[in-house]
mmCIF file of all heavy atoms, coordinates in Angstrom:
data_MODEL
# 
_entry.id   MODEL 
# 
loop_
_atom_site.group_PDB 
_atom_site.id 
_atom_site.type_symbol 
_atom_site.label_atom_id 
_atom_site.label_alt_id 
_atom_site.label_comp_id 
_atom_site.label_asym_id 
_atom_site.label_entity_id 
_atom_site.label_seq_id 
_atom_site.pdbx_PDB_ins_code 
_atom_site.Cartn_x 
_atom_site.Cartn_y 
_atom_site.Cartn_z 
_atom_site.occupancy 
_atom_site.B_iso_or_equiv 
_atom_site.pdbx_formal_charge 
_atom_site.auth_seq_id 
_atom_site.auth_comp_id 
_atom_site.auth_asym_id 
_atom_site.auth_atom_id 
_atom_site.pdbx_PDB_model_num 
ATOM 1   N N   . LEU A 1 1  ? 2.324   8.241   20.135 1.00 0.00 ? 1  LEU A N   1 
ATOM 2   C CA  . LEU A 1 1  ? 3.333   7.198   19.834 1.00 0.00 ? 1  LEU A CA  1 
ATOM 3   C C   . LEU A 1 1  ? 2.658   5.816   19.862 1.00 0.00 ? 1  LEU A C   1 
ATOM 4   O O   . LEU A 1 1  ? 2.932   5.017   18.937 1.00 0.00 ? 1  LEU A O   1 
ATOM 5   C CB  . LEU A 1 1  ? 4.510   7.233   20.790 1.00 0.00 ? 1  LEU A CB  1 
ATOM 6   C CG  . LEU A 1 1  ? 5.380   8.500   20.694 1.00 0.00 ? 1  LEU A CG  1 
ATOM 7   C CD1 . LEU A 1 1  ? 6.388   8.563   21.759 1.00 0.00 ? 1  LEU A CD1 1 
ATOM 8   C CD2 . LEU A 1 1  ? 6.021   8.622   19.365 1.00 0.00 ? 1  LEU A CD2 1 
ATOM 9   N N   . GLN A 1 2  ? 1.790   5.614   20.852 1.00 0.00 ? 2  GLN A N   1 
ATOM 10  C CA  . GLN A 1 2  ? 1.115   4.309   20.960 1.00 0.00 ? 2  GLN A CA  1 
ATOM 11  C C   . GLN A 1 2  ? 0.179   4.143   19.759 1.00 0.00 ? 2  GLN A C   1 
ATOM 12  O O   . GLN A 1 2  ? 0.040   3.027   19.220 1.00 0.00 ? 2  GLN A O   1 
ATOM 13  C CB  . GLN A 1 2  ? 0.335   4.225   22.259 1.00 0.00 ? 2  GLN A CB  1 
ATOM 14  C CG  . GLN A 1 2  ? 1.231   4.057   23.496 1.00 0.00 ? 2  GLN A CG  1 
ATOM 15  C CD  . GLN A 1 2  ? 0.465   3.908   24.777 1.00 0.00 ? 2  GLN A CD  1 
ATOM 16  O OE1 . GLN A 1 2  ? -0.733  3.487   24.704 1.00 0.00 ? 2  GLN A OE1 1 
ATOM 17  N NE2 . GLN A 1 2  ? 1.015   4.169   25.853 1.00 0.00 ? 2  GLN A NE2 1 
ATOM 18  N N   . ARG A 1 3  ? -0.500  5.176   19.326 1.00 0.00 ? 3  ARG A N   1 
ATOM 19  C CA  . ARG A 1 3  ? -1.442  5.075   18.245 1.00 0.00 ? 3  ARG A CA  1 
ATOM 20  C C   . ARG A 1 3  ? -0.685  4.714   16.972 1.00 0.00 ? 3  ARG A C   1 
ATOM 21  O O   . ARG A 1 3  ? -1.103  3.899   16.183 1.00 0.00 ? 3  ARG A O   1 
ATOM 22  C CB  . ARG A 1 3  ? -2.245  6.370   18.066 1.00 0.00 ? 3  ARG A CB  1 
ATOM 23  C CG  . ARG A 1 3  ? -3.289  6.280   16.992 1.00 0.00 ? 3  ARG A CG  1 
ATOM 24  C CD  . ARG A 1 3  ? -4.246  7.425   17.070 1.00 0.00 ? 3  ARG A CD  1 
ATOM 25  N NE  . ARG A 1 3  ? -5.352  7.245   16.153 1.00 0.00 ? 3  ARG A NE  1 
ATOM 26  C CZ  . ARG A 1 3  ? -6.460  6.580   16.401 1.00 0.00 ? 3  ARG A CZ  1 
ATOM 27  N NH1 . ARG A 1 3  ? -6.681  6.022   17.562 1.00 0.00 ? 3  ARG A NH1 1 
ATOM 28  N NH2 . ARG A 1 3  ? -7.427  6.405   15.560 1.00 0.00 ? 3  ARG A NH2 1 
ATOM 29  N N   . MET A 1 4  ? 0.411   5.401   16.680 1.00 0.00 ? 4  MET A N   1 
ATOM 30  C CA  . MET A 1 4  ? 1.246   5.134   15.506 1.00 0.00 ? 4  MET A CA  1 
ATOM 31  C C   . MET A 1 4  ? 1.729   3.719   15.515 1.00 0.00 ? 4  MET A C   1 
ATOM 32  O O   . MET A 1 4  ? 1.630   2.965   14.519 1.00 0.00 ? 4  MET A O   1 
ATOM 33  C CB  . MET A 1 4  ? 2.332   6.144   15.372 1.00 0.00 ? 4  MET A CB  1 
ATOM 34  C CG  . MET A 1 4  ? 1.860   7.501   14.942 1.00 0.00 ? 4  MET A CG  1 
ATOM 35  S SD  . MET A 1 4  ? 3.220   8.603   14.523 1.00 0.00 ? 4  MET A SD  1 
ATOM 36  C CE  . MET A 1 4  ? 3.742   9.162   16.169 1.00 0.00 ? 4  MET A CE  1 
ATOM 37  N N   . ALA A 1 5  ? 2.287   3.237   16.593 1.00 0.00 ? 5  ALA A N   1 
ATOM 38  C CA  . ALA A 1 5  ? 2.855   1.905   16.741 1.00 0.00 ? 5  ALA A CA  1 
ATOM 39  C C   . ALA A 1 5  ? 1.828   0.868   16.523 1.00 0.00 ? 5  ALA A C   1 
ATOM 40  O O   . ALA A 1 5  ? 1.954   -0.143  15.816 1.00 0.00 ? 5  ALA A O   1 
ATOM 41  C CB  . ALA A 1 5  ? 3.656   1.758   18.041 1.00 0.00 ? 5  ALA A CB  1 
ATOM 42  N N   . GLY A 1 6  ? 0.706   1.013   17.234 1.00 0.00 ? 6  GLY A N   1 
ATOM 43  C CA  . GLY A 1 6  ? -0.368  0.047   17.176 1.00 0.00 ? 6  GLY A CA  1 
ATOM 44  C C   . GLY A 1 6  ? -0.964  -0.002  15.792 1.00 0.00 ? 6  GLY A C   1 
ATOM 45  O O   . GLY A 1 6  ? -1.352  -1.128  15.325 1.00 0.00 ? 6  GLY A O   1 
ATOM 46  N N   . THR A 1 7  ? -1.125  1.084   15.157 1.00 0.00 ? 7  THR A N   1 
ATOM 47  C CA  . THR A 1 7  ? -1.688  1.125   13.858 1.00 0.00 ? 7  THR A CA  1 
ATOM 48  C C   . THR A 1 7  ? -0.740  0.417   12.779 1.00 0.00 ? 7  THR A C   1 
ATOM 49  O O   . THR A 1 7  ? -1.237  -0.280  11.879 1.00 0.00 ? 7  THR A O   1 
ATOM 50  C CB  . THR A 1 7  ? -1.999  2.600   13.307 1.00 0.00 ? 7  THR A CB  1 
ATOM 51  O OG1 . THR A 1 7  ? -2.907  3.035   14.290 1.00 0.00 ? 7  THR A OG1 1 
ATOM 52  C CG2 . THR A 1 7  ? -2.542  2.635   11.960 1.00 0.00 ? 7  THR A CG2 1 
ATOM 53  N N   . ILE A 1 8  ? 0.511   0.640   12.994 1.00 0.00 ? 8  ILE A N   1 
ATOM 54  C CA  . ILE A 1 8  ? 1.459   -0.044  12.104 1.00 0.00 ? 8  ILE A CA  1 
ATOM 55  C C   . ILE A 1 8  ? 1.370   -1.560  12.141 1.00 0.00 ? 8  ILE A C   1 
ATOM 56  O O   . ILE A 1 8  ? 1.294   -2.263  11.211 1.00 0.00 ? 8  ILE A O   1 
ATOM 57  C CB  . ILE A 1 8  ? 2.894   0.433   12.317 1.00 0.00 ? 8  ILE A CB  1 
ATOM 58  C CG1 . ILE A 1 8  ? 3.003   1.923   11.839 1.00 0.00 ? 8  ILE A CG1 1 
ATOM 59  C CG2 . ILE A 1 8  ? 3.942   -0.473  11.559 1.00 0.00 ? 8  ILE A CG2 1 
ATOM 60  C CD1 . ILE A 1 8  ? 4.307   2.615   12.221 1.00 0.00 ? 8  ILE A CD1 1 
ATOM 61  N N   . VAL A 1 9  ? 1.343   -2.008  13.387 1.00 0.00 ? 9  VAL A N   1 
ATOM 62  C CA  . VAL A 1 9  ? 1.304   -3.476  13.666 1.00 0.00 ? 9  VAL A CA  1 
ATOM 63  C C   . VAL A 1 9  ? -0.054  -4.065  13.146 1.00 0.00 ? 9  VAL A C   1 
ATOM 64  O O   . VAL A 1 9  ? -0.137  -5.033  12.472 1.00 0.00 ? 9  VAL A O   1 
ATOM 65  C CB  . VAL A 1 9  ? 1.518   -3.809  15.145 1.00 0.00 ? 9  VAL A CB  1 
ATOM 66  C CG1 . VAL A 1 9  ? 1.266   -5.290  15.376 1.00 0.00 ? 9  VAL A CG1 1 
ATOM 67  C CG2 . VAL A 1 9  ? 2.974   -3.408  15.570 1.00 0.00 ? 9  VAL A CG2 1 
ATOM 68  N N   . GLY A 1 10 ? -1.168  -3.315  13.519 1.00 0.00 ? 10 GLY A N   1 
ATOM 69  C CA  . GLY A 1 10 ? -2.452  -3.767  13.094 1.00 0.00 ? 10 GLY A CA  1 
ATOM 70  C C   . GLY A 1 10 ? -2.655  -3.756  11.603 1.00 0.00 ? 10 GLY A C   1 
ATOM 71  O O   . GLY A 1 10 ? -3.299  -4.659  11.021 1.00 0.00 ? 10 GLY A O   1 
ATOM 72  N N   . SER A 1 11 ? -2.092  -2.732  10.907 1.00 0.00 ? 11 SER A N   1 
ATOM 73  C CA  . SER A 1 11 ? -2.138  -2.693  9.478  1.00 0.00 ? 11 SER A CA  1 
ATOM 74  C C   . SER A 1 11 ? -1.406  -3.896  8.779  1.00 0.00 ? 11 SER A C   1 
ATOM 75  O O   . SER A 1 11 ? -1.842  -4.432  7.820  1.00 0.00 ? 11 SER A O   1 
ATOM 76  C CB  . SER A 1 11 ? -1.692  -1.452  8.938  1.00 0.00 ? 11 SER A CB  1 
ATOM 77  O OG  . SER A 1 11 ? -2.555  -0.345  9.358  1.00 0.00 ? 11 SER A OG  1 
ATOM 78  N N   . PHE A 1 12 ? -0.253  -4.199  9.419  1.00 0.00 ? 12 PHE A N   1 
ATOM 79  C CA  . PHE A 1 12 ? 0.555   -5.280  8.899  1.00 0.00 ? 12 PHE A CA  1 
ATOM 80  C C   . PHE A 1 12 ? -0.325  -6.593  9.051  1.00 0.00 ? 12 PHE A C   1 
ATOM 81  O O   . PHE A 1 12 ? -0.275  -7.442  8.170  1.00 0.00 ? 12 PHE A O   1 
ATOM 82  C CB  . PHE A 1 12 ? 1.861   -5.485  9.626  1.00 0.00 ? 12 PHE A CB  1 
ATOM 83  C CG  . PHE A 1 12 ? 2.707   -6.544  9.132  1.00 0.00 ? 12 PHE A CG  1 
ATOM 84  C CD1 . PHE A 1 12 ? 3.365   -6.455  7.948  1.00 0.00 ? 12 PHE A CD1 1 
ATOM 85  C CD2 . PHE A 1 12 ? 2.811   -7.805  9.832  1.00 0.00 ? 12 PHE A CD2 1 
ATOM 86  C CE1 . PHE A 1 12 ? 4.120   -7.506  7.424  1.00 0.00 ? 12 PHE A CE1 1 
ATOM 87  C CE2 . PHE A 1 12 ? 3.583   -8.781  9.373  1.00 0.00 ? 12 PHE A CE2 1 
ATOM 88  C CZ  . PHE A 1 12 ? 4.231   -8.727  8.213  1.00 0.00 ? 12 PHE A CZ  1 
ATOM 89  N N   . ILE A 1 13 ? -0.992  -6.760  10.124 1.00 0.00 ? 13 ILE A N   1 
ATOM 90  C CA  . ILE A 1 13 ? -1.835  -8.004  10.341 1.00 0.00 ? 13 ILE A CA  1 
ATOM 91  C C   . ILE A 1 13 ? -2.863  -8.023  9.244  1.00 0.00 ? 13 ILE A C   1 
ATOM 92  O O   . ILE A 1 13 ? -3.102  -9.122  8.651  1.00 0.00 ? 13 ILE A O   1 
ATOM 93  C CB  . ILE A 1 13 ? -2.397  -8.004  11.809 1.00 0.00 ? 13 ILE A CB  1 
ATOM 94  C CG1 . ILE A 1 13 ? -1.408  -8.140  12.809 1.00 0.00 ? 13 ILE A CG1 1 
ATOM 95  C CG2 . ILE A 1 13 ? -3.582  -9.022  11.864 1.00 0.00 ? 13 ILE A CG2 1 
ATOM 96  C CD1 . ILE A 1 13 ? -1.885  -7.893  14.280 1.00 0.00 ? 13 ILE A CD1 1 
ATOM 97  N N   . VAL A 1 14 ? -3.579  -6.948  8.972  1.00 0.00 ? 14 VAL A N   1 
ATOM 98  C CA  . VAL A 1 14 ? -4.591  -6.946  7.905  1.00 0.00 ? 14 VAL A CA  1 
ATOM 99  C C   . VAL A 1 14 ? -3.894  -7.223  6.529  1.00 0.00 ? 14 VAL A C   1 
ATOM 100 O O   . VAL A 1 14 ? -4.510  -7.933  5.752  1.00 0.00 ? 14 VAL A O   1 
ATOM 101 C CB  . VAL A 1 14 ? -5.319  -5.601  7.880  1.00 0.00 ? 14 VAL A CB  1 
ATOM 102 C CG1 . VAL A 1 14 ? -6.216  -5.511  6.661  1.00 0.00 ? 14 VAL A CG1 1 
ATOM 103 C CG2 . VAL A 1 14 ? -6.165  -5.500  9.158  1.00 0.00 ? 14 VAL A CG2 1 
ATOM 104 N N   . TRP A 1 15 ? -2.845  -6.563  6.289  1.00 0.00 ? 15 TRP A N   1 
ATOM 105 C CA  . TRP A 1 15 ? -2.158  -6.811  4.985  1.00 0.00 ? 15 TRP A CA  1 
ATOM 106 C C   . TRP A 1 15 ? -1.872  -8.284  4.799  1.00 0.00 ? 15 TRP A C   1 
ATOM 107 O O   . TRP A 1 15 ? -2.146  -8.887  3.780  1.00 0.00 ? 15 TRP A O   1 
ATOM 108 C CB  . TRP A 1 15 ? -0.856  -5.964  4.917  1.00 0.00 ? 15 TRP A CB  1 
ATOM 109 C CG  . TRP A 1 15 ? -0.075  -6.342  3.705  1.00 0.00 ? 15 TRP A CG  1 
ATOM 110 C CD1 . TRP A 1 15 ? -0.273  -5.921  2.468  1.00 0.00 ? 15 TRP A CD1 1 
ATOM 111 C CD2 . TRP A 1 15 ? 1.151   -7.175  3.701  1.00 0.00 ? 15 TRP A CD2 1 
ATOM 112 N NE1 . TRP A 1 15 ? 0.769   -6.488  1.580  1.00 0.00 ? 15 TRP A NE1 1 
ATOM 113 C CE2 . TRP A 1 15 ? 1.532   -7.225  2.368  1.00 0.00 ? 15 TRP A CE2 1 
ATOM 114 C CE3 . TRP A 1 15 ? 1.775   -7.884  4.704  1.00 0.00 ? 15 TRP A CE3 1 
ATOM 115 C CZ2 . TRP A 1 15 ? 2.670   -7.969  2.029  1.00 0.00 ? 15 TRP A CZ2 1 
ATOM 116 C CZ3 . TRP A 1 15 ? 2.866   -8.678  4.297  1.00 0.00 ? 15 TRP A CZ3 1 
ATOM 117 C CH2 . TRP A 1 15 ? 3.288   -8.660  2.972  1.00 0.00 ? 15 TRP A CH2 1 
ATOM 118 N N   . ALA A 1 16 ? -1.297  -8.975  5.891  1.00 0.00 ? 16 ALA A N   1 
ATOM 119 C CA  . ALA A 1 16 ? -1.068  -10.369 5.817  1.00 0.00 ? 16 ALA A CA  1 
ATOM 120 C C   . ALA A 1 16 ? -2.289  -11.166 5.617  1.00 0.00 ? 16 ALA A C   1 
ATOM 121 O O   . ALA A 1 16 ? -2.348  -12.237 4.855  1.00 0.00 ? 16 ALA A O   1 
ATOM 122 C CB  . ALA A 1 16 ? -0.307  -10.846 7.053  1.00 0.00 ? 16 ALA A CB  1 
ATOM 123 N N   . MET A 1 17 ? -3.412  -10.809 6.308  1.00 0.00 ? 17 MET A N   1 
ATOM 124 C CA  . MET A 1 17 ? -4.690  -11.553 6.133  1.00 0.00 ? 17 MET A CA  1 
ATOM 125 C C   . MET A 1 17 ? -5.221  -11.370 4.773  1.00 0.00 ? 17 MET A C   1 
ATOM 126 O O   . MET A 1 17 ? -5.641  -12.411 4.118  1.00 0.00 ? 17 MET A O   1 
ATOM 127 C CB  . MET A 1 17 ? -5.647  -11.017 7.194  1.00 0.00 ? 17 MET A CB  1 
ATOM 128 C CG  . MET A 1 17 ? -5.437  -11.442 8.548  1.00 0.00 ? 17 MET A CG  1 
ATOM 129 S SD  . MET A 1 17 ? -6.659  -10.790 9.702  1.00 0.00 ? 17 MET A SD  1 
ATOM 130 C CE  . MET A 1 17 ? -8.161  -11.674 9.156  1.00 0.00 ? 17 MET A CE  1 
ATOM 131 N N   . LEU A 1 18 ? -5.312  -10.141 4.186  1.00 0.00 ? 18 LEU A N   1 
ATOM 132 C CA  . LEU A 1 18 ? -5.851  -9.943  2.931  1.00 0.00 ? 18 LEU A CA  1 
ATOM 133 C C   . LEU A 1 18 ? -5.023  -10.535 1.813  1.00 0.00 ? 18 LEU A C   1 
ATOM 134 O O   . LEU A 1 18 ? -5.557  -10.820 0.730  1.00 0.00 ? 18 LEU A O   1 
ATOM 135 C CB  . LEU A 1 18 ? -6.106  -8.493  2.729  1.00 0.00 ? 18 LEU A CB  1 
ATOM 136 C CG  . LEU A 1 18 ? -7.176  -7.823  3.659  1.00 0.00 ? 18 LEU A CG  1 
ATOM 137 C CD1 . LEU A 1 18 ? -7.356  -6.354  3.344  1.00 0.00 ? 18 LEU A CD1 1 
ATOM 138 C CD2 . LEU A 1 18 ? -8.527  -8.593  3.562  1.00 0.00 ? 18 LEU A CD2 1 
ATOM 139 N N   . ALA A 1 19 ? -3.752  -10.682 2.035  1.00 0.00 ? 19 ALA A N   1 
ATOM 140 C CA  . ALA A 1 19 ? -2.898  -11.271 0.998  1.00 0.00 ? 19 ALA A CA  1 
ATOM 141 C C   . ALA A 1 19 ? -3.307  -12.760 0.808  1.00 0.00 ? 19 ALA A C   1 
ATOM 142 O O   . ALA A 1 19 ? -3.043  -13.353 -0.262 1.00 0.00 ? 19 ALA A O   1 
ATOM 143 C CB  . ALA A 1 19 ? -1.411  -11.210 1.459  1.00 0.00 ? 19 ALA A CB  1 
ATOM 144 N N   . GLN A 1 20 ? -3.967  -13.347 1.826  1.00 0.00 ? 20 GLN A N   1 
ATOM 145 C CA  . GLN A 1 20 ? -4.397  -14.762 1.698  1.00 0.00 ? 20 GLN A CA  1 
ATOM 146 C C   . GLN A 1 20 ? -5.799  -14.920 0.992  1.00 0.00 ? 20 GLN A C   1 
ATOM 147 O O   . GLN A 1 20 ? -6.274  -15.957 0.827  1.00 0.00 ? 20 GLN A O   1 
ATOM 148 C CB  . GLN A 1 20 ? -4.466  -15.367 3.108  1.00 0.00 ? 20 GLN A CB  1 
ATOM 149 C CG  . GLN A 1 20 ? -3.259  -15.321 3.898  1.00 0.00 ? 20 GLN A CG  1 
ATOM 150 C CD  . GLN A 1 20 ? -2.089  -16.003 3.192  1.00 0.00 ? 20 GLN A CD  1 
ATOM 151 O OE1 . GLN A 1 20 ? -2.201  -17.124 2.708  1.00 0.00 ? 20 GLN A OE1 1 
ATOM 152 N NE2 . GLN A 1 20 ? -0.967  -15.328 3.160  1.00 0.00 ? 20 GLN A NE2 1 
ATOM 153 N N   . GLN A 1 21 ? -6.338  -13.753 0.666  1.00 0.00 ? 21 GLN A N   1 
ATOM 154 C CA  . GLN A 1 21 ? -7.671  -13.716 0.016  1.00 0.00 ? 21 GLN A CA  1 
ATOM 155 C C   . GLN A 1 21 ? -8.756  -14.507 0.767  1.00 0.00 ? 21 GLN A C   1 
ATOM 156 O O   . GLN A 1 21 ? -9.297  -15.472 0.318  1.00 0.00 ? 21 GLN A O   1 
ATOM 157 C CB  . GLN A 1 21 ? -7.597  -14.130 -1.389 1.00 0.00 ? 21 GLN A CB  1 
ATOM 158 C CG  . GLN A 1 21 ? -6.657  -13.235 -2.257 1.00 0.00 ? 21 GLN A CG  1 
ATOM 159 C CD  . GLN A 1 21 ? -6.554  -13.738 -3.698 1.00 0.00 ? 21 GLN A CD  1 
ATOM 160 O OE1 . GLN A 1 21 ? -6.861  -14.902 -4.002 1.00 0.00 ? 21 GLN A OE1 1 
ATOM 161 N NE2 . GLN A 1 21 ? -6.004  -12.905 -4.518 1.00 0.00 ? 21 GLN A NE2 1 
ATOM 162 N N   . PRO A 1 22 ? -8.993  -14.121 2.020  1.00 0.00 ? 22 PRO A N   1 
ATOM 163 C CA  . PRO A 1 22 ? -9.915  -14.855 2.821  1.00 0.00 ? 22 PRO A CA  1 
ATOM 164 C C   . PRO A 1 22 ? -11.348 -14.833 2.331  1.00 0.00 ? 22 PRO A C   1 
ATOM 165 O O   . PRO A 1 22 ? -11.737 -13.852 1.665  1.00 0.00 ? 22 PRO A O   1 
ATOM 166 C CB  . PRO A 1 22 ? -9.800  -14.215 4.215  1.00 0.00 ? 22 PRO A CB  1 
ATOM 167 C CG  . PRO A 1 22 ? -9.436  -12.772 3.854  1.00 0.00 ? 22 PRO A CG  1 
ATOM 168 C CD  . PRO A 1 22 ? -8.587  -12.890 2.649  1.00 0.00 ? 22 PRO A CD  1 
ATOM 169 N N   . SER A 1 23 ? -12.134 -15.744 2.715  1.00 0.00 ? 23 SER A N   1 
ATOM 170 C CA  . SER A 1 23 ? -13.568 -15.772 2.317  1.00 0.00 ? 23 SER A CA  1 
ATOM 171 C C   . SER A 1 23 ? -14.324 -14.736 3.163  1.00 0.00 ? 23 SER A C   1 
ATOM 172 O O   . SER A 1 23 ? -13.788 -14.234 4.158  1.00 0.00 ? 23 SER A O   1 
ATOM 173 C CB  . SER A 1 23 ? -14.134 -17.166 2.628  1.00 0.00 ? 23 SER A CB  1 
ATOM 174 O OG  . SER A 1 23 ? -14.245 -17.402 3.983  1.00 0.00 ? 23 SER A OG  1 
ATOM 175 N N   . PHE A 1 24 ? -15.523 -14.443 2.739  1.00 0.00 ? 24 PHE A N   1 
ATOM 176 C CA  . PHE A 1 24 ? -16.364 -13.484 3.484  1.00 0.00 ? 24 PHE A CA  1 
ATOM 177 C C   . PHE A 1 24 ? -16.532 -13.882 4.958  1.00 0.00 ? 24 PHE A C   1 
ATOM 178 O O   . PHE A 1 24 ? -16.385 -13.087 5.819  1.00 0.00 ? 24 PHE A O   1 
ATOM 179 C CB  . PHE A 1 24 ? -17.764 -13.395 2.769  1.00 0.00 ? 24 PHE A CB  1 
ATOM 180 C CG  . PHE A 1 24 ? -18.753 -12.566 3.545  1.00 0.00 ? 24 PHE A CG  1 
ATOM 181 C CD1 . PHE A 1 24 ? -18.781 -11.205 3.493  1.00 0.00 ? 24 PHE A CD1 1 
ATOM 182 C CD2 . PHE A 1 24 ? -19.678 -13.245 4.372  1.00 0.00 ? 24 PHE A CD2 1 
ATOM 183 C CE1 . PHE A 1 24 ? -19.736 -10.460 4.113  1.00 0.00 ? 24 PHE A CE1 1 
ATOM 184 C CE2 . PHE A 1 24 ? -20.668 -12.460 5.097  1.00 0.00 ? 24 PHE A CE2 1 
ATOM 185 C CZ  . PHE A 1 24 ? -20.646 -11.126 4.956  1.00 0.00 ? 24 PHE A CZ  1 
ATOM 186 N N   . TRP A 1 25 ? -16.780 -15.155 5.178  1.00 0.00 ? 25 TRP A N   1 
ATOM 187 C CA  . TRP A 1 25 ? -17.098 -15.642 6.548  1.00 0.00 ? 25 TRP A CA  1 
ATOM 188 C C   . TRP A 1 25 ? -15.801 -15.614 7.423  1.00 0.00 ? 25 TRP A C   1 
ATOM 189 O O   . TRP A 1 25 ? -15.871 -15.392 8.614  1.00 0.00 ? 25 TRP A O   1 
ATOM 190 C CB  . TRP A 1 25 ? -17.767 -16.969 6.525  1.00 0.00 ? 25 TRP A CB  1 
ATOM 191 C CG  . TRP A 1 25 ? -19.158 -16.839 6.024  1.00 0.00 ? 25 TRP A CG  1 
ATOM 192 C CD1 . TRP A 1 25 ? -19.628 -17.271 4.862  1.00 0.00 ? 25 TRP A CD1 1 
ATOM 193 C CD2 . TRP A 1 25 ? -20.271 -16.111 6.609  1.00 0.00 ? 25 TRP A CD2 1 
ATOM 194 N NE1 . TRP A 1 25 ? -20.998 -16.941 4.658  1.00 0.00 ? 25 TRP A NE1 1 
ATOM 195 C CE2 . TRP A 1 25 ? -21.353 -16.217 5.763  1.00 0.00 ? 25 TRP A CE2 1 
ATOM 196 C CE3 . TRP A 1 25 ? -20.365 -15.400 7.795  1.00 0.00 ? 25 TRP A CE3 1 
ATOM 197 C CZ2 . TRP A 1 25 ? -22.583 -15.646 6.046  1.00 0.00 ? 25 TRP A CZ2 1 
ATOM 198 C CZ3 . TRP A 1 25 ? -21.604 -14.827 8.061  1.00 0.00 ? 25 TRP A CZ3 1 
ATOM 199 C CH2 . TRP A 1 25 ? -22.691 -14.963 7.238  1.00 0.00 ? 25 TRP A CH2 1 
ATOM 200 N N   . THR A 1 26 ? -14.615 -15.863 6.780  1.00 0.00 ? 26 THR A N   1 
ATOM 201 C CA  . THR A 1 26 ? -13.424 -15.714 7.510  1.00 0.00 ? 26 THR A CA  1 
ATOM 202 C C   . THR A 1 26 ? -13.181 -14.290 7.988  1.00 0.00 ? 26 THR A C   1 
ATOM 203 O O   . THR A 1 26 ? -12.764 -14.089 9.062  1.00 0.00 ? 26 THR A O   1 
ATOM 204 C CB  . THR A 1 26 ? -12.222 -16.232 6.644  1.00 0.00 ? 26 THR A CB  1 
ATOM 205 O OG1 . THR A 1 26 ? -12.504 -17.552 6.231  1.00 0.00 ? 26 THR A OG1 1 
ATOM 206 C CG2 . THR A 1 26 ? -10.936 -16.159 7.407  1.00 0.00 ? 26 THR A CG2 1 
ATOM 207 N N   . VAL A 1 27 ? -13.460 -13.322 7.081  1.00 0.00 ? 27 VAL A N   1 
ATOM 208 C CA  . VAL A 1 27 ? -13.313 -11.930 7.431  1.00 0.00 ? 27 VAL A CA  1 
ATOM 209 C C   . VAL A 1 27 ? -14.321 -11.581 8.563  1.00 0.00 ? 27 VAL A C   1 
ATOM 210 O O   . VAL A 1 27 ? -13.942 -10.882 9.504  1.00 0.00 ? 27 VAL A O   1 
ATOM 211 C CB  . VAL A 1 27 ? -13.502 -11.065 6.184  1.00 0.00 ? 27 VAL A CB  1 
ATOM 212 C CG1 . VAL A 1 27 ? -13.535 -9.581  6.592  1.00 0.00 ? 27 VAL A CG1 1 
ATOM 213 C CG2 . VAL A 1 27 ? -12.426 -11.277 5.222  1.00 0.00 ? 27 VAL A CG2 1 
ATOM 214 N N   . VAL A 1 28 ? -15.576 -12.012 8.413  1.00 0.00 ? 28 VAL A N   1 
ATOM 215 C CA  . VAL A 1 28 ? -16.512 -11.748 9.473  1.00 0.00 ? 28 VAL A CA  1 
ATOM 216 C C   . VAL A 1 28 ? -16.064 -12.359 10.816 1.00 0.00 ? 28 VAL A C   1 
ATOM 217 O O   . VAL A 1 28 ? -16.131 -11.642 11.921 1.00 0.00 ? 28 VAL A O   1 
ATOM 218 C CB  . VAL A 1 28 ? -17.957 -12.276 9.085  1.00 0.00 ? 28 VAL A CB  1 
ATOM 219 C CG1 . VAL A 1 28 ? -18.893 -12.214 10.287 1.00 0.00 ? 28 VAL A CG1 1 
ATOM 220 C CG2 . VAL A 1 28 ? -18.478 -11.469 7.880  1.00 0.00 ? 28 VAL A CG2 1 
ATOM 221 N N   . ALA A 1 29 ? -15.611 -13.595 10.814 1.00 0.00 ? 29 ALA A N   1 
ATOM 222 C CA  . ALA A 1 29 ? -15.133 -14.145 12.081 1.00 0.00 ? 29 ALA A CA  1 
ATOM 223 C C   . ALA A 1 29 ? -13.913 -13.353 12.629 1.00 0.00 ? 29 ALA A C   1 
ATOM 224 O O   . ALA A 1 29 ? -13.817 -13.173 13.830 1.00 0.00 ? 29 ALA A O   1 
ATOM 225 C CB  . ALA A 1 29 ? -14.695 -15.628 11.828 1.00 0.00 ? 29 ALA A CB  1 
# 
């Protein structure tokens, strides 16, 4: 249950980040 919940939240964070089309160095940071 913790793995599923954490993955859903973490994936949403990445989706929001990638929607902003970050630069290479922003992704590395």
